[in-house]
Amino acid sequence: MRRMNEMPLMRAESGVSLIEVMVALFVLAFGMLGIAGMQTMAMKANQSAFERNAAVIATSSIADRMRSNHDAARAGSYNRDFPSSGCASPTGSDTVSTDIRGWLGELSQSLGTDACGAISCSGTPVACTITVRWDDSRVQSGSTQHTFQVDVRI
């Protein structure tokens, strides 16, 4: 027998509605799109950093080659400007032509076929400016003619 002051227990509703599930999935999907966008930007920035590192290594490489052939470097034999189009390598078989051809090959291999380099040596003691140019337009606000420049003494 039941007492009068006892009320039947009300069972609380449990579970979620379909609308709540849809909202949760929408929020999750929007967040995942944001994460994918950040990952893409990070990969582009990482590639740009890799290319900058390759430019540093390439400038160090030609600087070392010039130091090993310092008489020719001091005489200005390594001097070269950026060509108006393309990046033609010297065709000679002398040490300077071989060094520059190897350096431009490294640039082309690590920075792309449109990468090129210029060298300008002058003064006493001889100070050389080594400049590398490549296309860095893949990153946001990247330049199609990105340059890296190093000054060295020979």
Protein backbone atom coordinates (compact mmCIF):
# COMPACT_ATOMS: atom_id res chain seq x y z
CA MET A 1 0.00 0.00 0.00
CA ARG A 2 1.08 3.40 -0.82
CA ARG A 3 1.00 6.29 1.47
CA MET A 4 -0.72 9.44 0.47
CA ASN A 5 2.23 11.72 0.81
CA GLU A 6 4.43 9.55 -1.41
CA MET A 7 4.63 10.73 -4.96
CA PRO A 8 5.67 8.50 -7.78
CA LEU A 9 9.26 9.09 -8.77
CA MET A 10 9.67 10.98 -12.01
CA ARG A 11 12.23 9.52 -14.29
CA ALA A 12 14.59 12.11 -15.78
CA GLU A 13 14.95 12.09 -19.53
CA SER A 14 18.40 10.94 -20.61
CA GLY A 15 20.21 11.16 -23.93
CA VAL A 16 20.67 13.92 -26.47
CA SER A 17 18.53 15.20 -29.24
CA LEU A 18 19.42 14.99 -32.90
CA ILE A 19 19.88 18.77 -33.09
CA GLU A 20 22.46 18.71 -30.31
CA VAL A 21 24.38 15.99 -32.13
CA MET A 22 24.30 17.98 -35.38
CA VAL A 23 25.58 21.14 -33.65
CA ALA A 24 28.39 19.19 -31.99
CA LEU A 25 29.41 17.65 -35.33
CA PHE A 26 29.35 21.07 -37.00
CA VAL A 27 31.61 22.55 -34.31
CA LEU A 28 33.96 19.57 -34.57
CA ALA A 29 34.09 19.78 -38.38
CA PHE A 30 34.78 23.53 -38.27
CA GLY A 31 37.60 22.95 -35.78
CA MET A 32 39.10 20.19 -37.93
CA LEU A 33 39.08 22.50 -40.97
CA GLY A 34 40.98 25.08 -38.92
CA ILE A 35 43.55 22.49 -37.90
CA ALA A 36 43.98 21.38 -41.52
CA GLY A 37 44.53 25.00 -42.59
CA MET A 38 47.15 25.52 -39.89
CA GLN A 39 48.91 22.31 -40.92
CA THR A 40 49.04 23.50 -44.54
CA MET A 41 50.50 26.86 -43.51
CA ALA A 42 53.06 25.14 -41.27
CA MET A 43 54.16 22.89 -44.13
CA LYS A 44 54.60 25.88 -46.45
CA ALA A 45 56.61 27.77 -43.83
CA ASN A 46 58.73 24.68 -43.22
CA GLN A 47 59.49 24.44 -46.96
CA SER A 48 60.45 28.10 -47.04
CA ALA A 49 62.78 27.60 -44.06
CA PHE A 50 64.32 24.58 -45.79
CA GLU A 51 65.00 26.67 -48.89
CA ARG A 52 66.58 29.46 -46.84
CA ASN A 53 68.81 26.89 -45.19
CA ALA A 54 69.78 25.52 -48.61
CA ALA A 55 70.67 29.07 -49.72
CA VAL A 56 72.92 29.50 -46.68
CA ILE A 57 74.66 26.20 -47.37
CA ALA A 58 75.12 27.09 -51.05
CA THR A 59 76.66 30.48 -50.25
CA SER A 60 79.03 28.83 -47.79
CA SER A 61 79.93 26.29 -50.46
CA ILE A 62 80.94 28.87 -53.07
CA ALA A 63 82.73 30.97 -50.45
CA ASP A 64 84.86 27.95 -49.51
CA ARG A 65 85.58 27.24 -53.18
CA MET A 66 86.63 30.86 -53.65
CA ARG A 67 88.89 30.70 -50.59
CA SER A 68 90.58 27.60 -51.96
CA ASN A 69 91.23 29.49 -55.22
CA HIS A 70 91.87 32.87 -53.58
CA ASP A 71 94.15 34.25 -56.31
CA ALA A 72 91.39 33.96 -58.91
CA ALA A 73 88.79 35.29 -56.46
CA ARG A 74 90.93 38.30 -55.62
CA ALA A 75 91.44 38.94 -59.34
CA GLY A 76 87.66 39.05 -59.86
CA SER A 77 87.40 35.84 -61.88
CA TYR A 78 84.38 34.65 -59.86
CA ASN A 79 82.42 37.88 -60.45
CA ARG A 80 79.10 37.36 -62.22
CA ASP A 81 75.83 39.30 -62.41
CA PHE A 82 72.33 37.90 -62.50
CA PRO A 83 71.45 37.18 -66.13
CA SER A 84 68.45 38.96 -67.60
CA SER A 85 66.73 35.61 -68.15
CA GLY A 86 67.49 32.09 -67.02
CA CYS A 87 70.68 31.17 -65.25
CA ALA A 88 73.31 29.98 -67.68
CA SER A 89 76.34 28.18 -66.31
CA PRO A 90 79.83 28.83 -67.61
CA THR A 91 81.04 26.23 -70.10
CA GLY A 92 84.81 26.36 -69.52
CA SER A 93 86.87 23.61 -67.94
CA ASP A 94 89.01 25.86 -65.73
CA THR A 95 88.66 25.81 -61.93
CA VAL A 96 86.55 28.98 -61.74
CA SER A 97 84.05 27.77 -64.36
CA THR A 98 83.85 24.36 -62.71
CA ASP A 99 83.27 25.93 -59.28
CA ILE A 100 80.53 28.25 -60.53
CA ARG A 101 78.89 25.50 -62.58
CA GLY A 102 78.85 23.21 -59.52
CA TRP A 103 77.46 26.00 -57.34
CA LEU A 104 74.68 26.86 -59.79
CA GLY A 105 73.86 23.15 -60.07
CA GLU A 106 73.49 22.97 -56.28
CA LEU A 107 71.18 25.99 -56.36
CA SER A 108 69.07 24.51 -59.13
CA GLN A 109 68.80 21.17 -57.36
CA SER A 110 67.91 22.49 -53.90
CA LEU A 111 65.99 25.70 -54.70
CA GLY A 112 64.41 24.99 -58.08
CA THR A 113 65.33 25.50 -61.70
CA ASP A 114 64.73 29.26 -61.56
CA ALA A 115 67.29 29.77 -58.75
CA CYS A 116 70.40 31.71 -59.64
CA GLY A 117 73.42 33.30 -58.00
CA ALA A 118 75.61 36.37 -58.41
CA ILE A 119 79.04 37.19 -57.03
CA SER A 120 80.75 40.56 -56.76
CA CYS A 121 84.29 40.84 -55.35
CA SER A 122 86.18 44.11 -54.96
CA GLY A 123 88.37 46.20 -52.67
CA THR A 124 91.47 45.62 -50.59
CA PRO A 125 91.20 43.39 -48.63
CA VAL A 126 88.91 41.66 -51.07
CA ALA A 127 85.28 41.61 -49.90
CA CYS A 128 82.81 39.53 -51.87
CA THR A 129 79.05 39.77 -51.91
CA ILE A 130 77.36 36.47 -52.75
CA THR A 131 73.67 36.72 -53.64
CA VAL A 132 71.23 33.86 -54.22
CA ARG A 133 67.80 34.43 -55.80
CA TRP A 134 64.93 31.96 -55.94
CA ASP A 135 61.12 31.75 -56.10
CA ASP A 136 59.58 31.72 -52.62
CA SER A 137 55.99 32.52 -53.64
CA ARG A 138 54.45 29.38 -52.12
CA VAL A 139 54.36 30.89 -48.63
CA GLN A 140 51.84 33.55 -47.71
CA SER A 141 53.18 36.97 -48.75
CA GLY A 142 56.18 35.21 -50.31
CA SER A 143 58.19 36.87 -53.02
CA THR A 144 58.70 35.47 -56.50
CA GLN A 145 62.23 36.89 -56.40
CA HIS A 146 63.43 36.15 -52.87
CA THR A 147 67.11 36.94 -52.31
CA PHE A 148 69.67 35.98 -49.71
CA GLN A 149 72.94 37.86 -49.54
CA VAL A 150 76.21 37.17 -47.69
CA ASP A 151 79.34 39.29 -47.46
CA VAL A 152 82.63 37.41 -47.06
CA ARG A 153 86.31 38.31 -47.11
CA ILE A 154 88.70 36.33 -49.26
